[in-house]
């Protein structure tokens, strides 16, 4: 049975603690109506020129959407999105002669919901494991928001696997850690992440009223060019797949709870290691979630060509708000670093 139709229920994780009652998180109602109110079941496996399949990596199964042939470009979504966030780039990359693959992260979309494994080190190994499972030695890695954070981590942990790096709306993990500890403006912009630390309540709020809160986040975080209605509907439906709300915010729970713990301190130290992959760093100037001055400075950690691109009038989702402009930047960057 397709993973998105019967996902693996979430179980207590190392960071969940009291967040889960005995027996795990209660399953939310699975979405099942089409946008027009018809009876057709909604699925994360939207039809298009791409193909869908599952593959095994790092002890879990992952859903991917794939299109084209050539050098591999792996696209990793942020929160609260899933692979569908990259629909514009999938077609553009394939037309330009690349093998474009959009991944559903662990716990999201059509991928496995596992009991644990939501720390950045393990999630980064998911990404590099998927590259190897695709039969490739190296890939151009593109990550947005939480996926961008994992792209930074993957480039540190498995540098030989990353041919080039494109980070979107994501500060280097050390810069983000510093900002959350010292910058009141950035901490206030991460108010939703602070709210995720509570037990039970965040999951319930995210799926309540047909995931209306997710729709409000998407609207508030975008710039003048709002996400289209089809995309907003899709993300609201995806968060309602049983256990997704819980699994998708576990990395944010690790982020804050680990700051004073040995594992978090060790992770921060490990991220001092220079990144050897050529890095394109894209940031929306109007991003209210990851502030531009927090993202600025990532080049300090890159011992390779580094390009900073600030997109005026663009919010937290450059790849969706300004797809043509963003895709042009991406194609130029991966084209420069094919070899």
Protein backbone atom coordinates (compact mmCIF):
# COMPACT_ATOMS: atom_id res chain seq x y z
CA UNK A 1 0.00 0.00 0.00
CA UNK A 2 1.41 3.45 -0.82
CA UNK A 3 3.15 5.06 2.13
CA UNK A 4 1.07 8.21 1.93
CA UNK A 5 -2.14 6.21 2.33
CA UNK A 6 -1.09 4.26 5.43
CA UNK A 7 1.92 5.94 7.06
CA UNK A 8 3.75 4.35 9.96
CA UNK A 9 2.34 5.83 13.19
CA UNK A 10 4.70 7.94 15.27
CA UNK A 11 5.95 6.47 18.53
CA UNK A 12 7.71 8.14 21.48
CA UNK A 13 11.13 9.50 20.48
CA UNK A 14 14.13 10.47 22.52
CA UNK A 15 13.08 14.10 22.40
CA UNK A 16 9.39 13.47 22.89
CA UNK A 17 9.53 12.70 26.61
CA UNK A 18 6.20 13.66 28.07
CA UNK A 19 4.88 14.86 24.71
CA UNK A 20 3.38 11.45 24.03
CA UNK A 21 1.00 9.55 26.22
CA UNK A 22 1.40 5.78 26.59
CA UNK A 23 0.68 4.13 23.28
CA UNK A 24 1.97 7.01 21.16
CA UNK A 25 0.30 10.00 19.57
CA UNK A 26 -3.37 9.64 18.65
CA UNK A 27 -3.90 9.40 14.94
CA UNK A 28 -5.51 12.40 13.31
CA UNK A 29 -8.22 11.89 10.74
CA UNK A 30 -6.70 11.25 7.33
CA UNK A 31 -7.73 13.78 4.68
CA UNK A 32 -9.85 12.25 1.98
CA UNK A 33 -11.63 14.79 -0.16
CA UNK A 34 -10.55 16.53 -3.30
CA UNK A 35 -10.25 20.35 -3.44
CA UNK A 36 -13.64 20.58 -5.16
CA UNK A 37 -15.33 18.59 -2.41
CA UNK A 38 -15.52 15.38 -4.42
CA UNK A 39 -14.94 11.90 -3.09
CA UNK A 40 -11.55 11.34 -4.71
CA UNK A 41 -8.92 10.66 -2.04
CA UNK A 42 -6.11 13.18 -1.78
CA UNK A 43 -2.57 11.84 -2.06
CA UNK A 44 0.94 13.24 -1.76
CA UNK A 45 1.74 11.47 -5.02
CA UNK A 46 0.38 14.18 -7.29
CA UNK A 47 0.38 13.31 -10.96
CA UNK A 48 2.69 15.07 -13.39
CA UNK A 49 5.58 14.40 -15.75
CA UNK A 50 7.57 12.94 -12.84
CA UNK A 51 7.49 9.40 -11.51
CA UNK A 52 6.99 8.38 -7.88
CA UNK A 53 8.79 5.60 -6.09
CA UNK A 54 10.04 4.49 -2.70
CA UNK A 55 13.59 3.55 -1.80
CA UNK A 56 15.43 2.41 1.31
CA UNK A 57 18.14 4.43 3.04
CA UNK A 58 19.51 4.76 6.57
CA UNK A 59 17.04 2.30 8.04
CA UNK A 60 13.85 3.82 6.61
CA UNK A 61 11.81 4.07 3.40
CA UNK A 62 11.65 7.36 1.54
CA UNK A 63 9.28 8.62 -1.11
CA UNK A 64 10.76 10.55 -4.05
CA UNK A 65 9.45 12.22 -7.18
CA UNK A 66 11.89 11.94 -10.08
CA UNK A 67 12.19 13.50 -13.52
CA UNK A 68 14.88 13.68 -16.19
CA UNK A 69 18.34 12.19 -16.65
CA UNK A 70 21.84 13.50 -16.20
CA UNK A 71 23.74 14.77 -13.14
CA UNK A 72 21.69 14.33 -9.98
CA UNK A 73 20.08 17.34 -8.29
CA UNK A 74 18.44 16.36 -4.99
CA UNK A 75 15.81 18.78 -3.68
CA UNK A 76 14.93 18.80 0.03
CA UNK A 77 11.85 20.66 1.29
CA UNK A 78 11.31 22.74 4.42
CA UNK A 79 8.43 23.01 6.90
CA UNK A 80 5.44 22.77 6.46
CA UNK A 81 6.00 21.56 2.90
CA UNK A 82 6.83 18.22 1.28
CA UNK A 83 8.27 17.25 -2.12
CA UNK A 84 5.54 19.18 -3.99
CA UNK A 85 7.36 22.42 -3.07
CA UNK A 86 9.83 21.72 -5.89
CA UNK A 87 7.33 21.10 -8.73
CA UNK A 88 8.59 24.13 -10.69
CA UNK A 89 12.25 23.17 -10.33
CA UNK A 90 11.70 19.49 -11.17
CA UNK A 91 10.52 20.30 -14.68
CA UNK A 92 13.05 23.09 -15.26
CA UNK A 93 16.00 20.98 -14.15
CA UNK A 94 14.91 18.01 -16.25
CA UNK A 95 14.56 20.22 -19.32
CA UNK A 96 18.08 21.54 -18.66
CA UNK A 97 19.57 18.03 -18.70
CA UNK A 98 19.57 17.03 -15.04
CA UNK A 99 18.16 14.13 -13.07
CA UNK A 100 15.91 16.03 -10.66
CA UNK A 101 14.73 14.24 -7.53
CA UNK A 102 12.50 15.76 -4.83
CA UNK A 103 12.60 13.95 -1.49
CA UNK A 104 10.07 13.64 1.31
CA UNK A 105 11.99 13.89 4.57
CA UNK A 106 11.61 11.28 7.29
CA UNK A 107 8.20 11.61 8.94
CA UNK A 108 6.66 13.70 6.16
CA UNK A 109 4.72 13.16 2.91
CA UNK A 110 5.07 9.61 1.63
CA UNK A 111 8.15 8.68 3.71
CA UNK A 112 8.26 6.51 6.83
CA UNK A 113 7.18 7.84 10.21
CA UNK A 114 9.78 6.28 12.49
CA UNK A 115 9.84 6.30 16.31
CA UNK A 116 13.08 8.30 16.42
CA UNK A 117 15.85 9.68 14.22
CA UNK A 118 14.88 13.37 13.95
CA UNK A 119 18.17 14.90 15.08
CA UNK A 120 20.07 16.76 12.31
CA UNK A 121 22.88 14.24 12.09
CA UNK A 122 20.57 11.34 11.34
CA UNK A 123 18.36 13.36 9.00
CA UNK A 124 21.46 14.45 7.04
CA UNK A 125 22.48 10.79 6.74
CA UNK A 126 18.99 10.11 5.35
CA UNK A 127 19.78 12.58 2.56
CA UNK A 128 23.21 11.21 1.71
CA UNK A 129 21.83 7.68 1.98
CA UNK A 130 19.15 8.52 -0.57
CA UNK A 131 21.84 9.79 -2.94
CA UNK A 132 23.63 6.46 -2.69
CA UNK A 133 20.37 4.51 -3.00
CA UNK A 134 19.74 6.37 -6.26
CA UNK A 135 22.96 4.81 -7.53
CA UNK A 136 24.92 8.07 -7.54
CA UNK A 137 28.27 8.89 -5.97
CA UNK A 138 27.63 12.64 -5.80
CA UNK A 139 24.79 15.10 -6.14
CA UNK A 140 24.00 18.79 -6.30
CA UNK A 141 22.09 19.28 -3.05
CA UNK A 142 19.36 21.92 -2.71
CA UNK A 143 17.61 22.53 0.60
CA UNK A 144 14.99 24.98 1.81
CA UNK A 145 14.52 26.10 5.46
CA UNK A 146 14.79 22.94 7.61
CA UNK A 147 15.97 21.15 4.47
CA UNK A 148 18.57 23.89 4.02
CA UNK A 149 19.84 23.33 7.54
CA UNK A 150 20.21 19.64 6.74
CA UNK A 151 22.04 20.54 3.53
CA UNK A 152 24.65 22.41 5.59
CA UNK A 153 24.96 19.38 7.88
CA UNK A 154 25.23 16.86 5.03
CA UNK A 155 28.01 18.91 3.44
CA UNK A 156 29.97 18.71 6.70
CA UNK A 157 29.29 15.04 7.46
CA UNK A 158 29.66 13.59 3.95
CA UNK A 159 31.64 16.15 1.90
CA UNK A 160 32.61 13.65 -0.80
CA UNK A 161 28.93 13.12 -1.69
CA UNK A 162 28.03 16.81 -2.20
CA UNK A 163 29.05 18.25 -5.57
CA UNK A 164 27.49 21.64 -4.96
CA UNK A 165 25.26 23.13 -2.30
CA UNK A 166 22.28 25.47 -2.65
CA UNK A 167 20.83 26.66 0.65
CA UNK A 168 17.54 28.56 0.66
CA UNK A 169 16.11 30.49 3.65
CA UNK A 170 18.43 28.74 6.10
CA UNK A 171 21.27 30.10 8.19
CA UNK A 172 24.32 28.02 8.94
CA UNK A 173 23.48 25.99 12.10
CA UNK A 174 26.09 27.82 14.17
CA UNK A 175 24.74 31.20 13.09
CA UNK A 176 21.18 30.12 13.86
CA UNK A 177 22.17 28.83 17.29
CA UNK A 178 23.95 32.08 18.08
CA UNK A 179 21.00 34.17 16.90
CA UNK A 180 18.46 32.22 18.94
CA UNK A 181 20.57 32.73 22.06
CA UNK A 182 21.47 36.40 21.58
CA UNK A 183 19.12 38.09 19.09
CA UNK A 184 15.67 38.95 20.42
CA UNK A 185 14.35 39.73 16.93
CA UNK A 186 15.30 36.30 15.59
CA UNK A 187 13.99 34.56 18.69
CA UNK A 188 10.67 36.40 18.26
CA UNK A 189 10.56 35.37 14.58
CA UNK A 190 10.90 31.75 15.76
CA UNK A 191 7.90 32.09 18.07
CA UNK A 192 6.23 29.11 16.40
CA UNK A 193 9.29 26.96 17.19
CA UNK A 194 9.06 27.99 20.84
CA UNK A 195 5.42 26.94 20.76
CA UNK A 196 6.37 23.53 19.36
CA UNK A 197 8.14 22.69 22.64
CA UNK A 198 4.88 22.18 24.50
CA UNK A 199 3.49 18.64 24.90
CA UNK A 200 0.54 17.54 22.76
CA UNK A 201 -0.86 20.99 22.08
CA UNK A 202 1.14 21.87 18.93
CA UNK A 203 0.11 18.71 17.10
CA UNK A 204 -3.53 19.29 17.88
CA UNK A 205 -3.43 22.93 16.84
CA UNK A 206 -1.71 22.14 13.54
CA UNK A 207 -4.40 19.71 12.38
CA UNK A 208 -7.42 21.49 13.86
CA UNK A 209 -10.02 23.00 11.52
CA UNK A 210 -8.57 21.35 8.41
CA UNK A 211 -5.06 22.58 9.30
CA UNK A 212 -6.13 26.23 9.21
CA UNK A 213 -3.08 27.27 11.24
CA UNK A 214 -0.74 25.91 8.57
CA UNK A 215 -2.59 28.03 6.01
CA UNK A 216 -2.10 31.10 8.19
CA UNK A 217 1.61 30.37 8.54
CA UNK A 218 2.00 30.04 4.78
CA UNK A 219 0.20 33.31 4.18
CA UNK A 220 2.09 35.23 6.87
CA UNK A 221 5.52 33.94 5.88
CA UNK A 222 5.28 34.69 2.16
CA UNK A 223 6.09 38.04 0.57
CA UNK A 224 3.78 39.98 -1.77
CA UNK A 225 3.61 36.98 -4.12
CA UNK A 226 1.54 34.59 -2.03
CA UNK A 227 1.62 30.83 -2.57
CA UNK A 228 -1.09 29.67 -4.94
CA UNK A 229 -4.26 28.09 -3.57
CA UNK A 230 -3.40 24.64 -4.87
CA UNK A 231 -0.11 24.64 -2.95
CA UNK A 232 -1.69 25.89 0.28
CA UNK A 233 -4.40 23.24 0.02
CA UNK A 234 -1.77 20.54 -0.55
CA UNK A 235 0.31 21.52 2.48
CA UNK A 236 -2.76 21.71 4.68
CA UNK A 237 -3.78 18.23 3.57
CA UNK A 238 -0.26 16.79 3.98
CA UNK A 239 0.10 17.89 7.60
CA UNK A 240 -3.13 16.01 8.42
CA UNK A 241 -1.75 12.62 7.37
CA UNK A 242 -1.61 10.68 10.65
CA UNK A 243 1.52 11.36 12.73
CA UNK A 244 2.91 13.97 10.31
CA UNK A 245 2.23 16.90 12.62
CA UNK A 246 4.21 15.20 15.38
CA UNK A 247 7.09 13.91 13.26
CA UNK A 248 7.54 17.14 11.31
CA UNK A 249 8.13 19.25 14.44
CA UNK A 250 10.43 16.79 16.21
CA UNK A 251 13.55 18.38 14.62
CA UNK A 252 12.50 21.74 16.06
CA UNK A 253 12.10 20.19 19.48
CA UNK A 254 15.62 18.79 19.19
CA UNK A 255 16.91 22.20 18.07
CA UNK A 256 15.91 24.01 21.26
CA UNK A 257 16.07 21.19 23.79
CA UNK A 258 19.58 20.17 22.78
CA UNK A 259 21.19 23.60 23.16
CA UNK A 260 22.43 22.94 26.68
CA UNK A 261 22.81 19.17 26.29
CA UNK A 262 26.05 17.41 25.38
CA UNK A 263 24.67 16.22 22.02
CA UNK A 264 23.72 19.76 21.01
CA UNK A 265 27.03 21.23 22.10
CA UNK A 266 28.94 18.48 20.28
CA UNK A 267 26.86 19.09 17.14
CA UNK A 268 27.66 22.82 17.24
CA UNK A 269 31.36 22.08 17.55
CA UNK A 270 31.24 19.62 14.68
CA UNK A 271 29.66 22.24 12.45
CA UNK A 272 32.83 24.36 12.72
CA UNK A 273 34.33 22.14 10.04
CA UNK A 274 34.71 24.05 6.75
CA UNK A 275 32.39 23.16 3.90
CA UNK A 276 34.26 22.21 0.74
CA UNK A 277 31.29 22.25 -1.67
CA UNK A 278 30.65 25.37 -3.80
CA UNK A 279 27.71 27.05 -2.07
CA UNK A 280 24.88 29.24 -3.33
CA UNK A 281 23.05 30.92 -0.45
CA UNK A 282 19.61 32.35 -1.33
CA UNK A 283 17.59 34.48 1.04
CA UNK A 284 14.33 36.38 0.68
CA UNK A 285 14.76 39.97 1.84
CA UNK A 286 11.18 39.97 3.19
CA UNK A 287 11.50 36.65 5.05
CA UNK A 288 9.82 37.10 8.47
CA UNK A 289 10.93 33.69 9.78
CA UNK A 290 14.66 33.51 9.07
CA UNK A 291 15.84 37.12 9.18
CA UNK A 292 18.34 38.22 6.55
CA UNK A 293 20.97 39.34 9.05
CA UNK A 294 20.83 35.88 10.66
CA UNK A 295 21.44 34.14 7.36
CA UNK A 296 24.13 36.58 6.26
CA UNK A 297 27.61 35.32 7.07
CA UNK A 298 27.29 31.69 6.05
CA UNK A 299 30.27 32.14 3.77
CA UNK A 300 32.48 32.19 6.86
CA UNK A 301 32.10 28.41 6.98
CA UNK A 302 32.64 27.72 3.27
CA UNK A 303 36.16 26.96 2.01
CA UNK A 304 34.99 26.98 -1.62
CA UNK A 305 33.25 29.38 -4.02
CA UNK A 306 30.37 31.07 -2.21
CA UNK A 307 27.60 33.24 -3.62
CA UNK A 308 25.07 35.22 -1.56
CA UNK A 309 21.81 36.15 -3.27
CA UNK A 310 19.26 38.36 -1.52
CA UNK A 311 15.94 38.43 -3.37
CA UNK A 312 14.03 41.71 -2.83
CA UNK A 313 10.31 41.47 -2.11
CA UNK A 314 10.51 37.72 -1.50
CA UNK A 315 9.54 36.02 1.76
CA UNK A 316 10.31 32.59 3.18
CA UNK A 317 9.60 30.58 -0.01
CA UNK A 318 11.78 31.93 -2.87
CA UNK A 319 11.36 28.73 -4.90
CA UNK A 320 7.57 29.18 -4.90
CA UNK A 321 7.13 32.95 -4.68
CA UNK A 322 9.57 33.74 -7.50
CA UNK A 323 10.12 30.36 -9.21
CA UNK A 324 11.54 31.70 -12.46
CA UNK A 325 14.08 33.96 -10.77
CA UNK A 326 15.08 31.32 -8.26
CA UNK A 327 15.34 28.56 -10.86
CA UNK A 328 17.55 30.75 -13.05
CA UNK A 329 19.94 31.24 -10.12
CA UNK A 330 19.92 27.52 -9.38
CA UNK A 331 20.54 26.45 -12.97
CA UNK A 332 23.40 28.92 -13.30
CA UNK A 333 25.01 27.64 -10.10
CA UNK A 334 24.79 23.91 -10.80
CA UNK A 335 25.86 24.58 -14.39
CA UNK A 336 29.05 26.21 -13.13
CA UNK A 337 29.89 23.22 -10.96
CA UNK A 338 29.01 20.21 -13.10
CA UNK A 339 32.53 18.83 -12.99
